[in-house]
């Protein structure tokens, strides 16, 4: 998605603003306007490389305002899917090793939140924990709820968004 923040309200000529509208194009082709929008607009379902240009207009009893400044953004590809993790079970802990994705598609890894999100699941496929890390080096996660069949996935995160989760790691038993 591409997020467009609404600029400050224009002069309203003494009439209260009742609605904001967002007019936009994708690759120069006009799209249906978005009516009654909030402080931000998310343009979704775009292909990587699409150029989206948009402008807000205020509406009040006197009609629709002149277009505001046009904002332009280009969508980016998400990071590639990462390979499966290698997980080792311990006492109320997991040791996790990951390999960075082959391609971040030209975007930098996030720094806040960190660029890798590890998700830990139990044998009932319930999410039991998450860990955000700046790198893929081997690390220990604790505490982890003990039990059999514990596994993990990881995804890379850039300013374009989160990549697809890796395949599930090997399942291990976390000891008490």
C-alpha atoms as a PDB file:
ATOM      1  CA  UNK A   1       0.000   0.000   0.000  1.00  0.00           C
ATOM      2  CA  UNK A   2       1.016   3.587  -0.522  1.00  0.00           C
ATOM      3  CA  UNK A   3      -0.072   6.003   2.215  1.00  0.00           C
ATOM      4  CA  UNK A   4      -0.929   9.613   1.387  1.00  0.00           C
ATOM      5  CA  UNK A   5      -1.317  11.977   4.371  1.00  0.00           C
ATOM      6  CA  UNK A   6      -3.936  14.718   4.004  1.00  0.00           C
ATOM      7  CA  UNK A   7      -2.440  18.232   4.034  1.00  0.00           C
ATOM      8  CA  UNK A   8      -3.690  21.017   6.299  1.00  0.00           C
ATOM      9  CA  UNK A   9      -7.267  22.103   5.614  1.00  0.00           C
ATOM     10  CA  UNK A  10      -7.631  24.824   2.965  1.00  0.00           C
ATOM     11  CA  UNK A  11      -9.428  28.091   3.610  1.00  0.00           C
ATOM     12  CA  UNK A  12     -13.081  27.171   3.882  1.00  0.00           C
ATOM     13  CA  UNK A  13     -14.680  30.535   3.063  1.00  0.00           C
ATOM     14  CA  UNK A  14     -16.635  30.472   6.314  1.00  0.00           C
ATOM     15  CA  UNK A  15     -18.347  27.157   5.571  1.00  0.00           C
ATOM     16  CA  UNK A  16     -17.382  24.109   7.629  1.00  0.00           C
ATOM     17  CA  UNK A  17     -15.633  21.343   5.698  1.00  0.00           C
ATOM     18  CA  UNK A  18     -17.967  18.346   5.528  1.00  0.00           C
ATOM     19  CA  UNK A  19     -15.867  15.869   3.577  1.00  0.00           C
ATOM     20  CA  UNK A  20     -12.473  15.257   2.004  1.00  0.00           C
ATOM     21  CA  UNK A  21     -12.082  13.497  -1.330  1.00  0.00           C
ATOM     22  CA  UNK A  22      -8.988  11.909  -2.828  1.00  0.00           C
ATOM     23  CA  UNK A  23      -8.469  11.910  -6.591  1.00  0.00           C
ATOM     24  CA  UNK A  24      -5.647   9.789  -7.993  1.00  0.00           C
ATOM     25  CA  UNK A  25      -4.063   8.206 -11.048  1.00  0.00           C
ATOM     26  CA  UNK A  26      -2.048   5.029 -11.503  1.00  0.00           C
ATOM     27  CA  UNK A  27       0.428   5.246 -14.355  1.00  0.00           C
ATOM     28  CA  UNK A  28      -1.407   8.365 -15.570  1.00  0.00           C
ATOM     29  CA  UNK A  29      -4.806   6.610 -15.728  1.00  0.00           C
ATOM     30  CA  UNK A  30      -7.517   8.193 -13.587  1.00  0.00           C
ATOM     31  CA  UNK A  31      -9.074   5.964 -10.929  1.00  0.00           C
ATOM     32  CA  UNK A  32     -12.446   6.330  -9.216  1.00  0.00           C
ATOM     33  CA  UNK A  33     -12.137   9.012  -6.520  1.00  0.00           C
ATOM     34  CA  UNK A  34     -12.208   7.997  -2.874  1.00  0.00           C
ATOM     35  CA  UNK A  35     -14.988   9.841  -1.070  1.00  0.00           C
ATOM     36  CA  UNK A  36     -15.267  10.906   2.572  1.00  0.00           C
ATOM     37  CA  UNK A  37     -11.659  10.024   3.424  1.00  0.00           C
ATOM     38  CA  UNK A  38      -9.863  10.479   6.734  1.00  0.00           C
ATOM     39  CA  UNK A  39      -6.479  11.952   7.648  1.00  0.00           C
ATOM     40  CA  UNK A  40      -4.646   9.425   5.467  1.00  0.00           C
ATOM     41  CA  UNK A  41      -5.486   7.397   2.382  1.00  0.00           C
ATOM     42  CA  UNK A  42      -3.972   4.007   1.559  1.00  0.00           C
ATOM     43  CA  UNK A  43      -3.880   3.058  -2.116  1.00  0.00           C
ATOM     44  CA  UNK A  44      -3.700  -0.743  -2.183  1.00  0.00           C
ATOM     45  CA  UNK A  45      -3.543  -3.598  -4.699  1.00  0.00           C
ATOM     46  CA  UNK A  46      -0.858  -1.995  -6.834  1.00  0.00           C
ATOM     47  CA  UNK A  47       1.859  -3.740  -8.791  1.00  0.00           C
ATOM     48  CA  UNK A  48       5.541  -3.094  -8.011  1.00  0.00           C
ATOM     49  CA  UNK A  49       6.770  -0.103  -9.988  1.00  0.00           C
ATOM     50  CA  UNK A  50       3.331   1.531 -10.316  1.00  0.00           C
ATOM     51  CA  UNK A  51       3.502   5.320 -10.082  1.00  0.00           C
ATOM     52  CA  UNK A  52       0.572   6.689  -8.090  1.00  0.00           C
ATOM     53  CA  UNK A  53      -0.228  10.425  -8.023  1.00  0.00           C
ATOM     54  CA  UNK A  54      -3.000  11.878  -5.900  1.00  0.00           C
ATOM     55  CA  UNK A  55      -4.506  15.036  -4.485  1.00  0.00           C
ATOM     56  CA  UNK A  56      -7.028  15.861  -1.782  1.00  0.00           C
ATOM     57  CA  UNK A  57      -9.995  18.200  -2.163  1.00  0.00           C
ATOM     58  CA  UNK A  58     -12.155  19.609   0.625  1.00  0.00           C
ATOM     59  CA  UNK A  59     -15.930  19.805   0.301  1.00  0.00           C
ATOM     60  CA  UNK A  60     -18.268  22.195   2.102  1.00  0.00           C
ATOM     61  CA  UNK A  61     -21.557  24.023   1.494  1.00  0.00           C
ATOM     62  CA  UNK A  62     -19.879  26.130  -1.218  1.00  0.00           C
ATOM     63  CA  UNK A  63     -18.761  23.047  -3.170  1.00  0.00           C
ATOM     64  CA  UNK A  64     -15.459  21.312  -3.808  1.00  0.00           C
ATOM     65  CA  UNK A  65     -12.126  23.097  -3.313  1.00  0.00           C
ATOM     66  CA  UNK A  66      -9.467  23.468  -5.945  1.00  0.00           C
ATOM     67  CA  UNK A  67      -7.041  20.527  -6.013  1.00  0.00           C
ATOM     68  CA  UNK A  68      -4.330  20.538  -3.388  1.00  0.00           C
ATOM     69  CA  UNK A  69      -0.707  19.843  -4.162  1.00  0.00           C
ATOM     70  CA  UNK A  70      -0.198  16.568  -6.020  1.00  0.00           C
ATOM     71  CA  UNK A  71       1.799  13.892  -4.219  1.00  0.00           C
ATOM     72  CA  UNK A  72       3.505  11.092  -6.165  1.00  0.00           C
ATOM     73  CA  UNK A  73       4.819   7.730  -4.960  1.00  0.00           C
ATOM     74  CA  UNK A  74       6.129   4.541  -6.541  1.00  0.00           C
ATOM     75  CA  UNK A  75       5.308   1.096  -5.164  1.00  0.00           C
ATOM     76  CA  UNK A  76       8.189  -1.227  -4.363  1.00  0.00           C
ATOM     77  CA  UNK A  77       8.538  -4.978  -4.299  1.00  0.00           C
ATOM     78  CA  UNK A  78       8.547  -6.716  -0.949  1.00  0.00           C
ATOM     79  CA  UNK A  79      11.620  -8.647   0.223  1.00  0.00           C
ATOM     80  CA  UNK A  80      12.000 -12.198  -1.091  1.00  0.00           C
ATOM     81  CA  UNK A  81      10.811 -15.117   1.010  1.00  0.00           C
ATOM     82  CA  UNK A  82      13.520 -16.395   3.337  1.00  0.00           C
ATOM     83  CA  UNK A  83      14.675 -20.008   3.571  1.00  0.00           C
ATOM     84  CA  UNK A  84      13.427 -22.197   6.417  1.00  0.00           C
ATOM     85  CA  UNK A  85      15.056 -21.645   9.806  1.00  0.00           C
ATOM     86  CA  UNK A  86      17.055 -24.146  11.778  1.00  0.00           C
ATOM     87  CA  UNK A  87      15.765 -24.364  15.351  1.00  0.00           C
ATOM     88  CA  UNK A  88      17.219 -26.190  18.366  1.00  0.00           C
ATOM     89  CA  UNK A  89      15.117 -26.692  21.500  1.00  0.00           C
ATOM     90  CA  UNK A  90      16.471 -25.987  24.960  1.00  0.00           C
ATOM     91  CA  UNK A  91      15.192 -25.498  28.494  1.00  0.00           C
ATOM     92  CA  UNK A  92      12.355 -22.958  28.055  1.00  0.00           C
ATOM     93  CA  UNK A  93      14.284 -21.602  25.056  1.00  0.00           C
ATOM     94  CA  UNK A  94      14.978 -21.950  21.334  1.00  0.00           C
ATOM     95  CA  UNK A  95      18.176 -21.320  19.429  1.00  0.00           C
ATOM     96  CA  UNK A  96      17.358 -19.994  15.976  1.00  0.00           C
ATOM     97  CA  UNK A  97      19.587 -19.613  12.903  1.00  0.00           C
ATOM     98  CA  UNK A  98      18.357 -17.913   9.727  1.00  0.00           C
ATOM     99  CA  UNK A  99      19.734 -17.010   6.313  1.00  0.00           C
ATOM    100  CA  UNK A 100      19.094 -13.526   4.917  1.00  0.00           C
ATOM    101  CA  UNK A 101      16.787 -13.360   1.892  1.00  0.00           C
ATOM    102  CA  UNK A 102      18.403 -13.508  -1.531  1.00  0.00           C
ATOM    103  CA  UNK A 103      16.916 -10.156  -2.509  1.00  0.00           C
ATOM    104  CA  UNK A 104      15.528  -7.153  -0.603  1.00  0.00           C
ATOM    105  CA  UNK A 105      14.470  -5.718  -3.987  1.00  0.00           C
ATOM    106  CA  UNK A 106      16.448  -2.532  -3.645  1.00  0.00           C
ATOM    107  CA  UNK A 107      15.034  -1.473  -0.284  1.00  0.00           C
ATOM    108  CA  UNK A 108      16.914  -1.151   3.030  1.00  0.00           C
ATOM    109  CA  UNK A 109      16.034  -3.323   6.008  1.00  0.00           C
ATOM    110  CA  UNK A 110      13.949  -1.609   8.654  1.00  0.00           C
ATOM    111  CA  UNK A 111      15.773  -0.317  11.694  1.00  0.00           C
ATOM    112  CA  UNK A 112      12.703   0.468  13.830  1.00  0.00           C
ATOM    113  CA  UNK A 113      11.178  -2.032  14.183  1.00  0.00           C
ATOM    114  CA  UNK A 114      14.205  -4.208  13.335  1.00  0.00           C
ATOM    115  CA  UNK A 115      14.383  -5.864   9.923  1.00  0.00           C
ATOM    116  CA  UNK A 116      13.565  -9.468  10.846  1.00  0.00           C
ATOM    117  CA  UNK A 117      10.396 -10.723  12.566  1.00  0.00           C
ATOM    118  CA  UNK A 118      10.601 -14.231  14.038  1.00  0.00           C
ATOM    119  CA  UNK A 119       7.289 -15.910  14.898  1.00  0.00           C
ATOM    120  CA  UNK A 120       7.167 -18.924  17.213  1.00  0.00           C
ATOM    121  CA  UNK A 121       4.306 -21.437  17.119  1.00  0.00           C
ATOM    122  CA  UNK A 122       3.257 -24.456  19.177  1.00  0.00           C
ATOM    123  CA  UNK A 123       2.138 -27.849  17.848  1.00  0.00           C
ATOM    124  CA  UNK A 124      -1.459 -26.536  17.579  1.00  0.00           C
ATOM    125  CA  UNK A 125      -0.199 -23.855  15.117  1.00  0.00           C
ATOM    126  CA  UNK A 126      -0.899 -21.101  17.671  1.00  0.00           C
ATOM    127  CA  UNK A 127       1.407 -18.106  17.717  1.00  0.00           C
ATOM    128  CA  UNK A 128       3.133 -18.185  21.124  1.00  0.00           C
ATOM    129  CA  UNK A 129       5.755 -15.480  20.656  1.00  0.00           C
ATOM    130  CA  UNK A 130       7.451 -12.988  18.364  1.00  0.00           C
ATOM    131  CA  UNK A 131      10.983 -11.618  18.325  1.00  0.00           C
ATOM    132  CA  UNK A 132      12.246  -8.647  16.314  1.00  0.00           C
ATOM    133  CA  UNK A 133      15.945  -8.740  15.410  1.00  0.00           C
ATOM    134  CA  UNK A 134      18.270  -6.535  13.329  1.00  0.00           C
ATOM    135  CA  UNK A 135      20.085  -9.515  11.782  1.00  0.00           C
ATOM    136  CA  UNK A 136      19.893 -13.240  11.024  1.00  0.00           C
ATOM    137  CA  UNK A 137      22.756 -14.378  13.269  1.00  0.00           C
ATOM    138  CA  UNK A 138      22.167 -17.377  15.534  1.00  0.00           C
ATOM    139  CA  UNK A 139      20.455 -16.299  18.731  1.00  0.00           C
ATOM    140  CA  UNK A 140      18.593 -17.761  21.703  1.00  0.00           C
ATOM    141  CA  UNK A 141      14.998 -16.846  22.433  1.00  0.00           C
ATOM    142  CA  UNK A 142      13.778 -17.213  26.009  1.00  0.00           C
ATOM    143  CA  UNK A 143      11.442 -17.741  27.684  1.00  0.00           C
ATOM    144  CA  UNK A 144       9.506 -20.045  25.374  1.00  0.00           C
ATOM    145  CA  UNK A 145       6.479 -22.028  26.543  1.00  0.00           C
ATOM    146  CA  UNK A 146       7.652 -25.648  26.950  1.00  0.00           C
ATOM    147  CA  UNK A 147       6.106 -28.390  24.862  1.00  0.00           C
ATOM    148  CA  UNK A 148       6.519 -30.596  21.796  1.00  0.00           C
ATOM    149  CA  UNK A 149       6.196 -29.488  18.186  1.00  0.00           C
ATOM    150  CA  UNK A 150       7.462 -25.918  18.642  1.00  0.00           C
ATOM    151  CA  UNK A 151       8.582 -24.311  15.377  1.00  0.00           C
ATOM    152  CA  UNK A 152       9.338 -20.862  13.958  1.00  0.00           C
ATOM    153  CA  UNK A 153       9.131 -18.746  10.807  1.00  0.00           C
ATOM    154  CA  UNK A 154      10.893 -15.522   9.853  1.00  0.00           C
ATOM    155  CA  UNK A 155      10.219 -12.674   7.441  1.00  0.00           C
ATOM    156  CA  UNK A 156      12.314  -9.716   6.312  1.00  0.00           C
ATOM    157  CA  UNK A 157      10.884  -6.198   6.677  1.00  0.00           C
ATOM    158  CA  UNK A 158      11.771  -3.155   4.593  1.00  0.00           C
ATOM    159  CA  UNK A 159      10.147   0.223   4.093  1.00  0.00           C
ATOM    160  CA  UNK A 160       8.118  -1.445   1.306  1.00  0.00           C
ATOM    161  CA  UNK A 161       6.552  -3.872   3.819  1.00  0.00           C
ATOM    162  CA  UNK A 162       7.019  -7.388   5.160  1.00  0.00           C
ATOM    163  CA  UNK A 163       8.030 -10.266   2.937  1.00  0.00           C
ATOM    164  CA  UNK A 164       6.271 -13.620   2.928  1.00  0.00           C
ATOM    165  CA  UNK A 165       7.025 -15.765   5.985  1.00  0.00           C
ATOM    166  CA  UNK A 166       9.641 -18.462   5.504  1.00  0.00           C
ATOM    167  CA  UNK A 167       8.568 -22.087   5.436  1.00  0.00           C
ATOM    168  CA  UNK A 168       8.175 -23.505   8.940  1.00  0.00           C
ATOM    169  CA  UNK A 169      11.363 -24.615  10.652  1.00  0.00           C
ATOM    170  CA  UNK A 170      11.942 -28.083  11.986  1.00  0.00           C
ATOM    171  CA  UNK A 171       9.715 -28.809  15.008  1.00  0.00           C
ATOM    172  CA  UNK A 172      11.455 -29.296  18.370  1.00  0.00           C
ATOM    173  CA  UNK A 173      10.555 -30.015  21.967  1.00  0.00           C
ATOM    174  CA  UNK A 174      11.110 -27.152  24.381  1.00  0.00           C
ATOM    175  CA  UNK A 175      11.939 -28.578  27.815  1.00  0.00           C
ATOM    176  CA  UNK A 176      10.756 -27.359  31.216  1.00  0.00           C
END
